[in-house]
Amino acid sequence: MVRHGLWNIFYKQKNGFHLNKIPEYHIYQRLACAQKSPENREVLEKIAQSVAKDAPFRRRFLEMAAVSLGVAGLSFILGYLIRSLLGVEI
């Protein structure tokens, strides 16, 4: 039986891809679709692709965590500056 598209990637046993990776790929794809931030969406899509290609998960996870913390830190600094300079209380 010949499989096409993504199923061809998922069932290649010679690359060491296991069937339990299929749900992980779909989970990360759905999380990516739910993200409003383009940066977070891109990182989650990269993680989904790395799962599909059997790339190191840890590196992709650390990349996602760094982007998330960077966005949170930038938001905090901007909020603090606006509060300090404009005297806006939230």
C-alpha atoms as a PDB file:
ATOM      1  CA  MET A   1       0.000   0.000   0.000  1.00  0.00           C
ATOM      2  CA  VAL A   2       1.400   3.397  -0.984  1.00  0.00           C
ATOM      3  CA  ARG A   3       0.845   6.301   1.384  1.00  0.00           C
ATOM      4  CA  HIS A   4       0.994   9.906   0.271  1.00  0.00           C
ATOM      5  CA  GLY A   5       1.654  13.249   1.956  1.00  0.00           C
ATOM      6  CA  LEU A   6       2.079  13.426   5.710  1.00  0.00           C
ATOM      7  CA  TRP A   7       1.262   9.761   6.187  1.00  0.00           C
ATOM      8  CA  ASN A   8       4.376   8.906   4.204  1.00  0.00           C
ATOM      9  CA  ILE A   9       6.450  10.833   6.749  1.00  0.00           C
ATOM     10  CA  PHE A  10       4.673   9.264   9.726  1.00  0.00           C
ATOM     11  CA  TYR A  11       5.058   5.655   8.644  1.00  0.00           C
ATOM     12  CA  LYS A  12       8.706   5.663   7.622  1.00  0.00           C
ATOM     13  CA  GLN A  13      10.114   3.223  10.115  1.00  0.00           C
ATOM     14  CA  LYS A  14      13.643   3.535   8.748  1.00  0.00           C
ATOM     15  CA  ASN A  15      13.784   7.092  10.177  1.00  0.00           C
ATOM     16  CA  GLY A  16      12.717   5.844  13.596  1.00  0.00           C
ATOM     17  CA  PHE A  17       9.388   7.675  13.573  1.00  0.00           C
ATOM     18  CA  HIS A  18       6.902   6.083  15.937  1.00  0.00           C
ATOM     19  CA  LEU A  19       3.134   6.139  15.696  1.00  0.00           C
ATOM     20  CA  ASN A  20       2.740   7.928  19.030  1.00  0.00           C
ATOM     21  CA  LYS A  21       4.294  11.009  17.407  1.00  0.00           C
ATOM     22  CA  ILE A  22       1.242  11.498  15.192  1.00  0.00           C
ATOM     23  CA  PRO A  23      -0.960  12.901  18.013  1.00  0.00           C
ATOM     24  CA  GLU A  24       1.913  15.125  19.195  1.00  0.00           C
ATOM     25  CA  TYR A  25       2.197  16.656  15.735  1.00  0.00           C
ATOM     26  CA  HIS A  26      -1.527  17.431  15.631  1.00  0.00           C
ATOM     27  CA  ILE A  27      -1.512  18.856  19.163  1.00  0.00           C
ATOM     28  CA  TYR A  28       1.267  21.327  18.323  1.00  0.00           C
ATOM     29  CA  GLN A  29      -0.428  22.259  15.053  1.00  0.00           C
ATOM     30  CA  ARG A  30      -3.685  23.034  16.886  1.00  0.00           C
ATOM     31  CA  LEU A  31      -1.845  25.015  19.545  1.00  0.00           C
ATOM     32  CA  ALA A  32      -0.136  27.002  16.800  1.00  0.00           C
ATOM     33  CA  CYS A  33      -3.480  27.793  15.174  1.00  0.00           C
ATOM     34  CA  ALA A  34      -4.856  29.024  18.496  1.00  0.00           C
ATOM     35  CA  GLN A  35      -1.994  31.481  19.087  1.00  0.00           C
ATOM     36  CA  LYS A  36      -2.579  35.180  18.424  1.00  0.00           C
ATOM     37  CA  SER A  37       1.117  36.020  18.553  1.00  0.00           C
ATOM     38  CA  PRO A  38       2.834  35.352  15.208  1.00  0.00           C
ATOM     39  CA  GLU A  39       6.112  34.582  16.974  1.00  0.00           C
ATOM     40  CA  ASN A  40       4.560  31.949  19.238  1.00  0.00           C
ATOM     41  CA  ARG A  41       2.607  30.499  16.324  1.00  0.00           C
ATOM     42  CA  GLU A  42       5.799  30.153  14.281  1.00  0.00           C
ATOM     43  CA  VAL A  43       7.658  28.448  17.122  1.00  0.00           C
ATOM     44  CA  LEU A  44       4.812  25.976  17.717  1.00  0.00           C
ATOM     45  CA  GLU A  45       4.683  25.191  14.004  1.00  0.00           C
ATOM     46  CA  LYS A  46       8.433  24.559  14.058  1.00  0.00           C
ATOM     47  CA  ILE A  47       7.988  22.217  17.022  1.00  0.00           C
ATOM     48  CA  ALA A  48       5.257  20.351  15.130  1.00  0.00           C
ATOM     49  CA  GLN A  49       7.558  20.008  12.141  1.00  0.00           C
ATOM     50  CA  SER A  50      10.435  18.871  14.346  1.00  0.00           C
ATOM     51  CA  VAL A  51       8.196  16.177  15.833  1.00  0.00           C
ATOM     52  CA  ALA A  52       7.221  15.098  12.327  1.00  0.00           C
ATOM     53  CA  LYS A  53      10.863  15.028  11.254  1.00  0.00           C
ATOM     54  CA  ASP A  54      11.978  13.498  14.556  1.00  0.00           C
ATOM     55  CA  ALA A  55      14.234  16.485  15.321  1.00  0.00           C
ATOM     56  CA  PRO A  56      15.381  17.180  18.889  1.00  0.00           C
ATOM     57  CA  PHE A  57      12.375  18.245  20.920  1.00  0.00           C
ATOM     58  CA  ARG A  58      14.371  19.856  23.705  1.00  0.00           C
ATOM     59  CA  ARG A  59      15.951  22.456  21.407  1.00  0.00           C
ATOM     60  CA  ARG A  60      12.571  23.449  19.956  1.00  0.00           C
ATOM     61  CA  PHE A  61      11.009  23.623  23.413  1.00  0.00           C
ATOM     62  CA  LEU A  62      13.786  25.879  24.696  1.00  0.00           C
ATOM     63  CA  GLU A  63      13.361  28.087  21.634  1.00  0.00           C
ATOM     64  CA  MET A  64       9.636  28.387  22.330  1.00  0.00           C
ATOM     65  CA  ALA A  65      10.252  29.149  26.003  1.00  0.00           C
ATOM     66  CA  ALA A  66      12.825  31.831  25.122  1.00  0.00           C
ATOM     67  CA  VAL A  67      10.429  33.535  22.709  1.00  0.00           C
ATOM     68  CA  SER A  68       7.591  33.435  25.241  1.00  0.00           C
ATOM     69  CA  LEU A  69       9.740  34.848  28.025  1.00  0.00           C
ATOM     70  CA  GLY A  70      11.117  37.500  25.686  1.00  0.00           C
ATOM     71  CA  VAL A  71       7.624  38.653  24.722  1.00  0.00           C
ATOM     72  CA  ALA A  72       6.540  38.681  28.375  1.00  0.00           C
ATOM     73  CA  GLY A  73       9.643  40.662  29.399  1.00  0.00           C
ATOM     74  CA  LEU A  74       9.165  43.193  26.611  1.00  0.00           C
ATOM     75  CA  SER A  75       5.500  43.631  27.534  1.00  0.00           C
ATOM     76  CA  PHE A  76       6.442  44.189  31.173  1.00  0.00           C
ATOM     77  CA  ILE A  77       9.100  46.780  30.324  1.00  0.00           C
ATOM     78  CA  LEU A  78       6.788  48.663  27.959  1.00  0.00           C
ATOM     79  CA  GLY A  79       4.002  48.662  30.539  1.00  0.00           C
ATOM     80  CA  TYR A  80       6.353  49.919  33.222  1.00  0.00           C
ATOM     81  CA  LEU A  81       7.681  52.702  30.986  1.00  0.00           C
ATOM     82  CA  ILE A  82       4.195  53.820  29.998  1.00  0.00           C
ATOM     83  CA  ARG A  83       3.132  53.801  33.633  1.00  0.00           C
ATOM     84  CA  SER A  84       6.213  55.760  34.711  1.00  0.00           C
ATOM     85  CA  LEU A  85       6.341  58.303  31.912  1.00  0.00           C
ATOM     86  CA  LEU A  86       2.629  58.952  31.419  1.00  0.00           C
ATOM     87  CA  GLY A  87       1.475  58.326  34.967  1.00  0.00           C
ATOM     88  CA  VAL A  88      -1.140  55.819  33.830  1.00  0.00           C
ATOM     89  CA  GLU A  89      -2.405  53.514  36.556  1.00  0.00           C
ATOM     90  CA  ILE A  90      -3.952  50.220  35.568  1.00  0.00           C
END
